[in-house]
Full PDB file with SEQRES, HELIX, SHEET, SSBOND, CRYST1, ORIGX, SCALE, CONECT and MASTER records, all heavy atoms in Angstrom:
SEQRES   1 A   33  CYS PHE ALA HIS LEU ARG ARG LYS PHE TYR GLU SER LEU          
SEQRES   2 A   33  PRO SER ASN ALA PRO PRO ASP SER VAL ALA ALA GLN ALA          
SEQRES   3 A   33  VAL ALA TYR CYS ASP GLN ALA                                  
HELIX    1 AA1 PHE A    2  GLU A   11  1                                  10    
HELIX    2 AA2 VAL A   22  GLN A   32  1                                  11    
CRYST1    1.000    1.000    1.000  90.00  90.00  90.00 P 1           1          
ORIGX1      1.000000  0.000000  0.000000        0.00000                         
ORIGX2      0.000000  1.000000  0.000000        0.00000                         
ORIGX3      0.000000  0.000000  1.000000        0.00000                         
SCALE1      1.000000  0.000000  0.000000        0.00000                         
SCALE2      0.000000  1.000000  0.000000        0.00000                         
SCALE3      0.000000  0.000000  1.000000        0.00000                         
ATOM      1  N   CYS A   1       0.850  -1.201   0.000  1.00  0.00           N  
ATOM      2  CA  CYS A   1       0.000   0.000   0.000  1.00  0.00           C  
ATOM      3  C   CYS A   1       0.884   1.249   0.000  1.00  0.00           C  
ATOM      4  O   CYS A   1       1.618   1.504   0.959  1.00  0.00           O  
ATOM      5  CB  CYS A   1      -0.917  -0.001   1.228  1.00  0.00           C  
ATOM      6  SG  CYS A   1      -1.883   1.505   1.421  1.00  0.00           S  
ATOM      7  N   PHE A   2       0.815   2.034  -1.071  1.00  0.00           N  
ATOM      8  CA  PHE A   2       1.624   3.249  -1.162  1.00  0.00           C  
ATOM      9  C   PHE A   2       1.104   4.349  -0.241  1.00  0.00           C  
ATOM     10  O   PHE A   2       1.841   5.298   0.051  1.00  0.00           O  
ATOM     11  CB  PHE A   2       1.664   3.744  -2.613  1.00  0.00           C  
ATOM     12  CG  PHE A   2       2.723   3.072  -3.442  1.00  0.00           C  
ATOM     13  CD1 PHE A   2       2.442   1.910  -4.140  1.00  0.00           C  
ATOM     14  CD2 PHE A   2       4.009   3.580  -3.496  1.00  0.00           C  
ATOM     15  CE1 PHE A   2       3.415   1.283  -4.901  1.00  0.00           C  
ATOM     16  CE2 PHE A   2       4.989   2.958  -4.245  1.00  0.00           C  
ATOM     17  CZ  PHE A   2       4.699   1.796  -4.950  1.00  0.00           C  
ATOM     18  N   ALA A   3      -0.128   4.265   0.199  1.00  0.00           N  
ATOM     19  CA  ALA A   3      -0.619   5.244   1.172  1.00  0.00           C  
ATOM     20  C   ALA A   3       0.130   5.086   2.495  1.00  0.00           C  
ATOM     21  O   ALA A   3       0.479   6.077   3.152  1.00  0.00           O  
ATOM     22  CB  ALA A   3      -2.120   5.077   1.385  1.00  0.00           C  
ATOM     23  N   HIS A   4       0.397   3.841   2.901  1.00  0.00           N  
ATOM     24  CA  HIS A   4       1.195   3.609   4.103  1.00  0.00           C  
ATOM     25  C   HIS A   4       2.633   4.092   3.906  1.00  0.00           C  
ATOM     26  O   HIS A   4       3.223   4.715   4.793  1.00  0.00           O  
ATOM     27  CB  HIS A   4       1.207   2.117   4.449  1.00  0.00           C  
ATOM     28  CG  HIS A   4      -0.045   1.650   5.117  1.00  0.00           C  
ATOM     29  ND1 HIS A   4      -1.207   1.400   4.432  1.00  0.00           N  
ATOM     30  CD2 HIS A   4      -0.317   1.385   6.426  1.00  0.00           C  
ATOM     31  CE1 HIS A   4      -2.148   1.002   5.281  1.00  0.00           C  
ATOM     32  NE2 HIS A   4      -1.639   0.986   6.487  1.00  0.00           N  
ATOM     33  N   LEU A   5       3.202   3.781   2.737  1.00  0.00           N  
ATOM     34  CA  LEU A   5       4.574   4.198   2.462  1.00  0.00           C  
ATOM     35  C   LEU A   5       4.692   5.722   2.473  1.00  0.00           C  
ATOM     36  O   LEU A   5       5.613   6.288   3.080  1.00  0.00           O  
ATOM     37  CB  LEU A   5       5.009   3.629   1.113  1.00  0.00           C  
ATOM     38  CG  LEU A   5       6.456   3.877   0.675  1.00  0.00           C  
ATOM     39  CD1 LEU A   5       6.967   2.691  -0.140  1.00  0.00           C  
ATOM     40  CD2 LEU A   5       6.573   5.140  -0.168  1.00  0.00           C  
ATOM     41  N   ARG A   6       3.755   6.396   1.806  1.00  0.00           N  
ATOM     42  CA  ARG A   6       3.786   7.860   1.769  1.00  0.00           C  
ATOM     43  C   ARG A   6       3.652   8.448   3.161  1.00  0.00           C  
ATOM     44  O   ARG A   6       4.319   9.429   3.505  1.00  0.00           O  
ATOM     45  CB  ARG A   6       2.653   8.368   0.871  1.00  0.00           C  
ATOM     46  CG  ARG A   6       2.629   9.889   0.731  1.00  0.00           C  
ATOM     47  CD  ARG A   6       1.355  10.365   0.057  1.00  0.00           C  
ATOM     48  NE  ARG A   6       1.348  11.797  -0.139  1.00  0.00           N  
ATOM     49  CZ  ARG A   6       1.036  12.694   0.800  1.00  0.00           C  
ATOM     50  NH1 ARG A   6       0.696  12.285   2.023  1.00  0.00           N  
ATOM     51  NH2 ARG A   6       1.061  13.991   0.534  1.00  0.00           N  
ATOM     52  N   ARG A   7       2.776   7.858   3.975  1.00  0.00           N  
ATOM     53  CA  ARG A   7       2.553   8.386   5.318  1.00  0.00           C  
ATOM     54  C   ARG A   7       3.830   8.358   6.149  1.00  0.00           C  
ATOM     55  O   ARG A   7       4.110   9.274   6.930  1.00  0.00           O  
ATOM     56  CB  ARG A   7       1.444   7.604   6.010  1.00  0.00           C  
ATOM     57  CG  ARG A   7       1.051   8.166   7.379  1.00  0.00           C  
ATOM     58  CD  ARG A   7      -0.123   7.412   7.960  1.00  0.00           C  
ATOM     59  NE  ARG A   7      -1.271   7.500   7.081  1.00  0.00           N  
ATOM     60  CZ  ARG A   7      -1.900   6.444   6.580  1.00  0.00           C  
ATOM     61  NH1 ARG A   7      -1.482   5.214   6.872  1.00  0.00           N  
ATOM     62  NH2 ARG A   7      -2.940   6.590   5.790  1.00  0.00           N  
ATOM     63  N   LYS A   8       4.638   7.303   5.986  1.00  0.00           N  
ATOM     64  CA  LYS A   8       5.867   7.209   6.765  1.00  0.00           C  
ATOM     65  C   LYS A   8       6.847   8.310   6.377  1.00  0.00           C  
ATOM     66  O   LYS A   8       7.528   8.889   7.238  1.00  0.00           O  
ATOM     67  CB  LYS A   8       6.488   5.828   6.588  1.00  0.00           C  
ATOM     68  CG  LYS A   8       5.678   4.718   7.256  1.00  0.00           C  
ATOM     69  CD  LYS A   8       6.371   3.390   7.183  1.00  0.00           C  
ATOM     70  CE  LYS A   8       5.543   2.311   7.884  1.00  0.00           C  
ATOM     71  NZ  LYS A   8       5.385   2.564   9.327  1.00  0.00           N  
ATOM     72  N   PHE A   9       6.945   8.627   5.090  1.00  0.00           N  
ATOM     73  CA  PHE A   9       7.820   9.730   4.674  1.00  0.00           C  
ATOM     74  C   PHE A   9       7.227  11.073   5.076  1.00  0.00           C  
ATOM     75  O   PHE A   9       7.957  11.988   5.463  1.00  0.00           O  
ATOM     76  CB  PHE A   9       8.051   9.671   3.162  1.00  0.00           C  
ATOM     77  CG  PHE A   9       9.049   8.636   2.751  1.00  0.00           C  
ATOM     78  CD1 PHE A   9       8.634   7.439   2.177  1.00  0.00           C  
ATOM     79  CD2 PHE A   9      10.403   8.843   2.942  1.00  0.00           C  
ATOM     80  CE1 PHE A   9       9.551   6.479   1.801  1.00  0.00           C  
ATOM     81  CE2 PHE A   9      11.340   7.887   2.574  1.00  0.00           C  
ATOM     82  CZ  PHE A   9      10.909   6.699   1.999  1.00  0.00           C  
ATOM     83  N   TYR A  10       5.907  11.184   5.004  1.00  0.00           N  
ATOM     84  CA  TYR A  10       5.259  12.439   5.399  1.00  0.00           C  
ATOM     85  C   TYR A  10       5.490  12.726   6.881  1.00  0.00           C  
ATOM     86  O   TYR A  10       5.752  13.870   7.274  1.00  0.00           O  
ATOM     87  CB  TYR A  10       3.765  12.356   5.097  1.00  0.00           C  
ATOM     88  CG  TYR A  10       2.984  13.570   5.542  1.00  0.00           C  
ATOM     89  CD1 TYR A  10       2.943  14.722   4.762  1.00  0.00           C  
ATOM     90  CD2 TYR A  10       2.286  13.564   6.748  1.00  0.00           C  
ATOM     91  CE1 TYR A  10       2.238  15.839   5.171  1.00  0.00           C  
ATOM     92  CE2 TYR A  10       1.582  14.676   7.168  1.00  0.00           C  
ATOM     93  CZ  TYR A  10       1.562  15.808   6.379  1.00  0.00           C  
ATOM     94  OH  TYR A  10       0.859  16.916   6.788  1.00  0.00           O  
ATOM     95  N   GLU A  11       5.407  11.697   7.706  1.00  0.00           N  
ATOM     96  CA  GLU A  11       5.605  11.885   9.148  1.00  0.00           C  
ATOM     97  C   GLU A  11       7.066  12.185   9.494  1.00  0.00           C  
ATOM     98  O   GLU A  11       7.344  12.687  10.582  1.00  0.00           O  
ATOM     99  CB  GLU A  11       5.149  10.631   9.896  1.00  0.00           C  
ATOM    100  CG  GLU A  11       3.638  10.431   9.867  1.00  0.00           C  
ATOM    101  CD  GLU A  11       3.207   9.121  10.483  1.00  0.00           C  
ATOM    102  OE1 GLU A  11       4.096   8.290  10.783  1.00  0.00           O  
ATOM    103  OE2 GLU A  11       1.986   8.918  10.676  1.00  0.00           O  
ATOM    104  N   SER A  12       7.991  11.898   8.579  1.00  0.00           N  
ATOM    105  CA  SER A  12       9.405  12.202   8.836  1.00  0.00           C  
ATOM    106  C   SER A  12       9.777  13.605   8.383  1.00  0.00           C  
ATOM    107  O   SER A  12      10.915  14.045   8.596  1.00  0.00           O  
ATOM    108  CB  SER A  12      10.299  11.189   8.111  1.00  0.00           C  
ATOM    109  OG  SER A  12      10.261  11.380   6.705  1.00  0.00           O  
ATOM    110  N   LEU A  13       8.838  14.327   7.757  1.00  0.00           N  
ATOM    111  CA  LEU A  13       9.126  15.675   7.271  1.00  0.00           C  
ATOM    112  C   LEU A  13       9.192  16.674   8.424  1.00  0.00           C  
ATOM    113  O   LEU A  13       8.228  16.795   9.188  1.00  0.00           O  
ATOM    114  CB  LEU A  13       8.034  16.126   6.297  1.00  0.00           C  
ATOM    115  CG  LEU A  13       8.136  15.674   4.843  1.00  0.00           C  
ATOM    116  CD1 LEU A  13       6.846  16.017   4.116  1.00  0.00           C  
ATOM    117  CD2 LEU A  13       9.314  16.326   4.168  1.00  0.00           C  
ATOM    118  N   PRO A  14      10.277  17.407   8.562  1.00  0.00           N  
ATOM    119  CA  PRO A  14      10.270  18.521   9.526  1.00  0.00           C  
ATOM    120  C   PRO A  14       9.401  19.656   9.003  1.00  0.00           C  
ATOM    121  O   PRO A  14       9.051  19.700   7.818  1.00  0.00           O  
ATOM    122  CB  PRO A  14      11.747  18.925   9.598  1.00  0.00           C  
ATOM    123  CG  PRO A  14      12.341  18.454   8.326  1.00  0.00           C  
ATOM    124  CD  PRO A  14      11.579  17.229   7.918  1.00  0.00           C  
ATOM    125  N   SER A  15       9.052  20.567   9.882  1.00  0.00           N  
ATOM    126  CA  SER A  15       8.128  21.634   9.498  1.00  0.00           C  
ATOM    127  C   SER A  15       8.693  22.532   8.408  1.00  0.00           C  
ATOM    128  O   SER A  15       7.950  23.099   7.612  1.00  0.00           O  
ATOM    129  CB  SER A  15       7.780  22.478  10.730  1.00  0.00           C  
ATOM    130  OG  SER A  15       8.958  22.996  11.325  1.00  0.00           O  
ATOM    131  N   ASN A  16      10.022  22.691   8.353  1.00  0.00           N  
ATOM    132  CA  ASN A  16      10.643  23.583   7.371  1.00  0.00           C  
ATOM    133  C   ASN A  16      11.449  22.804   6.336  1.00  0.00           C  
ATOM    134  O   ASN A  16      12.494  23.255   5.867  1.00  0.00           O  
ATOM    135  CB  ASN A  16      11.539  24.593   8.069  1.00  0.00           C  
ATOM    136  CG  ASN A  16      12.603  23.907   8.934  1.00  0.00           C  
ATOM    137  OD1 ASN A  16      12.519  22.700   9.180  1.00  0.00           O  
ATOM    138  ND2 ASN A  16      13.585  24.675   9.379  1.00  0.00           N  
ATOM    139  N   ALA A  17      10.989  21.610   5.973  1.00  0.00           N  
ATOM    140  CA  ALA A  17      11.744  20.754   5.060  1.00  0.00           C  
ATOM    141  C   ALA A  17      11.816  21.385   3.668  1.00  0.00           C  
ATOM    142  O   ALA A  17      10.778  21.759   3.107  1.00  0.00           O  
ATOM    143  CB  ALA A  17      11.109  19.378   4.984  1.00  0.00           C  
ATOM    144  N   PRO A  18      13.010  21.514   3.075  1.00  0.00           N  
ATOM    145  CA  PRO A  18      13.112  22.016   1.694  1.00  0.00           C  
ATOM    146  C   PRO A  18      12.597  20.976   0.714  1.00  0.00           C  
ATOM    147  O   PRO A  18      12.606  19.779   1.008  1.00  0.00           O  
ATOM    148  CB  PRO A  18      14.623  22.242   1.528  1.00  0.00           C  
ATOM    149  CG  PRO A  18      15.256  21.304   2.499  1.00  0.00           C  
ATOM    150  CD  PRO A  18      14.315  21.221   3.663  1.00  0.00           C  
ATOM    151  N   PRO A  19      12.153  21.392  -0.467  1.00  0.00           N  
ATOM    152  CA  PRO A  19      11.571  20.439  -1.419  1.00  0.00           C  
ATOM    153  C   PRO A  19      12.584  19.460  -1.997  1.00  0.00           C  
ATOM    154  O   PRO A  19      12.187  18.465  -2.595  1.00  0.00           O  
ATOM    155  CB  PRO A  19      10.990  21.339  -2.510  1.00  0.00           C  
ATOM    156  CG  PRO A  19      11.745  22.622  -2.400  1.00  0.00           C  
ATOM    157  CD  PRO A  19      12.080  22.782  -0.958  1.00  0.00           C  
ATOM    158  N   ASP A  20      13.882  19.741  -1.832  1.00  0.00           N  
ATOM    159  CA  ASP A  20      14.876  18.812  -2.357  1.00  0.00           C  
ATOM    160  C   ASP A  20      15.361  17.814  -1.308  1.00  0.00           C  
ATOM    161  O   ASP A  20      16.283  17.041  -1.568  1.00  0.00           O  
ATOM    162  CB  ASP A  20      16.070  19.573  -2.932  1.00  0.00           C  
ATOM    163  CG  ASP A  20      16.740  20.481  -1.899  1.00  0.00           C  
ATOM    164  OD1 ASP A  20      16.147  20.661  -0.810  1.00  0.00           O  
ATOM    165  OD2 ASP A  20      17.823  20.998  -2.188  1.00  0.00           O  
ATOM    166  N   SER A  21      14.737  17.812  -0.111  1.00  0.00           N  
ATOM    167  CA  SER A  21      15.092  16.818   0.897  1.00  0.00           C  
ATOM    168  C   SER A  21      14.575  15.449   0.468  1.00  0.00           C  
ATOM    169  O   SER A  21      13.640  15.345  -0.339  1.00  0.00           O  
ATOM    170  CB  SER A  21      14.512  17.199   2.265  1.00  0.00           C  
ATOM    171  OG  SER A  21      13.102  17.165   2.230  1.00  0.00           O  
ATOM    172  N   VAL A  22      15.184  14.411   0.999  1.00  0.00           N  
ATOM    173  CA  VAL A  22      14.808  13.051   0.607  1.00  0.00           C  
ATOM    174  C   VAL A  22      13.340  12.783   0.927  1.00  0.00           C  
ATOM    175  O   VAL A  22      12.593  12.250   0.087  1.00  0.00           O  
ATOM    176  CB  VAL A  22      15.711  12.023   1.315  1.00  0.00           C  
ATOM    177  CG1 VAL A  22      15.248  10.599   1.008  1.00  0.00           C  
ATOM    178  CG2 VAL A  22      17.155  12.203   0.885  1.00  0.00           C  
ATOM    179  N   ALA A  23      12.899  13.163   2.134  1.00  0.00           N  
ATOM    180  CA  ALA A  23      11.511  12.890   2.523  1.00  0.00           C  
ATOM    181  C   ALA A  23      10.532  13.644   1.627  1.00  0.00           C  
ATOM    182  O   ALA A  23       9.520  13.089   1.181  1.00  0.00           O  
ATOM    183  CB  ALA A  23      11.291  13.275   3.985  1.00  0.00           C  
ATOM    184  N   ALA A  24      10.831  14.930   1.347  1.00  0.00           N  
ATOM    185  CA  ALA A  24       9.926  15.724   0.510  1.00  0.00           C  
ATOM    186  C   ALA A  24       9.857  15.170  -0.913  1.00  0.00           C  
ATOM    187  O   ALA A  24       8.785  15.118  -1.523  1.00  0.00           O  
ATOM    188  CB  ALA A  24      10.378  17.178   0.489  1.00  0.00           C  
ATOM    189  N   GLN A  25      10.998  14.743  -1.444  1.00  0.00           N  
ATOM    190  CA  GLN A  25      11.002  14.177  -2.789  1.00  0.00           C  
ATOM    191  C   GLN A  25      10.240  12.848  -2.828  1.00  0.00           C  
ATOM    192  O   GLN A  25       9.519  12.562  -3.791  1.00  0.00           O  
ATOM    193  CB  GLN A  25      12.433  13.967  -3.273  1.00  0.00           C  
ATOM    194  CG  GLN A  25      13.189  15.264  -3.551  1.00  0.00           C  
ATOM    195  CD  GLN A  25      14.556  14.986  -4.147  1.00  0.00           C  
ATOM    196  OE1 GLN A  25      14.655  14.453  -5.254  1.00  0.00           O  
ATOM    197  NE2 GLN A  25      15.610  15.342  -3.418  1.00  0.00           N  
ATOM    198  N   ALA A  26      10.399  12.034  -1.775  1.00  0.00           N  
ATOM    199  CA  ALA A  26       9.668  10.763  -1.730  1.00  0.00           C  
ATOM    200  C   ALA A  26       8.166  11.000  -1.695  1.00  0.00           C  
ATOM    201  O   ALA A  26       7.391  10.324  -2.397  1.00  0.00           O  
ATOM    202  CB  ALA A  26      10.111   9.965  -0.506  1.00  0.00           C  
ATOM    203  N   VAL A  27       7.725  11.972  -0.885  1.00  0.00           N  
ATOM    204  CA  VAL A  27       6.304  12.315  -0.837  1.00  0.00           C  
ATOM    205  C   VAL A  27       5.834  12.816  -2.204  1.00  0.00           C  
ATOM    206  O   VAL A  27       4.739  12.468  -2.676  1.00  0.00           O  
ATOM    207  CB  VAL A  27       6.036  13.375   0.249  1.00  0.00           C  
ATOM    208  CG1 VAL A  27       4.610  13.912   0.157  1.00  0.00           C  
ATOM    209  CG2 VAL A  27       6.275  12.781   1.638  1.00  0.00           C  
ATOM    210  N   ALA A  28       6.664  13.624  -2.864  1.00  0.00           N  
ATOM    211  CA  ALA A  28       6.291  14.163  -4.170  1.00  0.00           C  
ATOM    212  C   ALA A  28       6.158  13.049  -5.209  1.00  0.00           C  
ATOM    213  O   ALA A  28       5.250  13.076  -6.055  1.00  0.00           O  
ATOM    214  CB  ALA A  28       7.325  15.195  -4.621  1.00  0.00           C  
ATOM    215  N   TYR A  29       7.061  12.068  -5.190  1.00  0.00           N  
ATOM    216  CA  TYR A  29       6.951  10.938  -6.116  1.00  0.00           C  
ATOM    217  C   TYR A  29       5.650  10.160  -5.869  1.00  0.00           C  
ATOM    218  O   TYR A  29       4.967   9.754  -6.819  1.00  0.00           O  
ATOM    219  CB  TYR A  29       8.151  10.011  -5.965  1.00  0.00           C  
ATOM    220  CG  TYR A  29       9.366  10.424  -6.757  1.00  0.00           C  
ATOM    221  CD1 TYR A  29      10.592  10.640  -6.124  1.00  0.00           C  
ATOM    222  CD2 TYR A  29       9.307  10.591  -8.133  1.00  0.00           C  
ATOM    223  CE1 TYR A  29      11.722  11.026  -6.845  1.00  0.00           C  
ATOM    224  CE2 TYR A  29      10.425  10.966  -8.866  1.00  0.00           C  
ATOM    225  CZ  TYR A  29      11.632  11.184  -8.214  1.00  0.00           C  
ATOM    226  OH  TYR A  29      12.736  11.554  -8.930  1.00  0.00           O  
ATOM    227  N   CYS A  30       5.328   9.943  -4.596  1.00  0.00           N  
ATOM    228  CA  CYS A  30       4.064   9.246  -4.282  1.00  0.00           C  
ATOM    229  C   CYS A  30       2.861  10.048  -4.774  1.00  0.00           C  
ATOM    230  O   CYS A  30       1.916   9.479  -5.345  1.00  0.00           O  
ATOM    231  CB  CYS A  30       3.962   9.010  -2.778  1.00  0.00           C  
ATOM    232  SG  CYS A  30       5.144   7.813  -2.118  1.00  0.00           S  
ATOM    233  N   ASP A  31       2.904  11.363  -4.578  1.00  0.00           N  
ATOM    234  CA  ASP A  31       1.803  12.204  -5.040  1.00  0.00           C  
ATOM    235  C   ASP A  31       1.658  12.139  -6.554  1.00  0.00           C  
ATOM    236  O   ASP A  31       0.536  12.118  -7.092  1.00  0.00           O  
ATOM    237  CB  ASP A  31       2.031  13.649  -4.604  1.00  0.00           C  
ATOM    238  CG  ASP A  31       1.864  13.841  -3.105  1.00  0.00           C  
ATOM    239  OD1 ASP A  31       1.280  12.952  -2.474  1.00  0.00           O  
ATOM    240  OD2 ASP A  31       2.329  14.870  -2.578  1.00  0.00           O  
ATOM    241  N   GLN A  32       2.792  12.114  -7.259  1.00  0.00           N  
ATOM    242  CA  GLN A  32       2.725  12.021  -8.711  1.00  0.00           C  
ATOM    243  C   GLN A  32       2.121  10.690  -9.147  1.00  0.00           C  
ATOM    244  O   GLN A  32       1.318  10.634 -10.078  1.00  0.00           O  
ATOM    245  CB  GLN A  32       4.124  12.182  -9.310  1.00  0.00           C  
ATOM    246  CG  GLN A  32       4.100  12.280 -10.831  1.00  0.00           C  
ATOM    247  CD  GLN A  32       5.482  12.240 -11.439  1.00  0.00           C  
ATOM    248  OE1 GLN A  32       6.407  11.686 -10.851  1.00  0.00           O  
ATOM    249  NE2 GLN A  32       5.642  12.829 -12.617  1.00  0.00           N  
ATOM    250  N   ALA A  33       2.503   9.615  -8.451  1.00  0.00           N  
ATOM    251  CA  ALA A  33       1.941   8.297  -8.784  1.00  0.00           C  
ATOM    252  C   ALA A  33       0.432   8.273  -8.581  1.00  0.00           C  
ATOM    253  O   ALA A  33      -0.320   7.777  -9.440  1.00  0.00           O  
ATOM    254  CB  ALA A  33       2.615   7.224  -7.928  1.00  0.00           C  
TER     255      ALA A  33                                                      
MASTER        0    0    0    2    0    0    0    6  254    1    0    3          
END                                                                             
């Protein structure tokens, strides 16, 4: 389930995470999918 996978990366995002951080990029890839 990619919803579970995305949630784990989303919960690891700090409040001021830049868009090029690993967690932000992983969330963005899931959103694109």
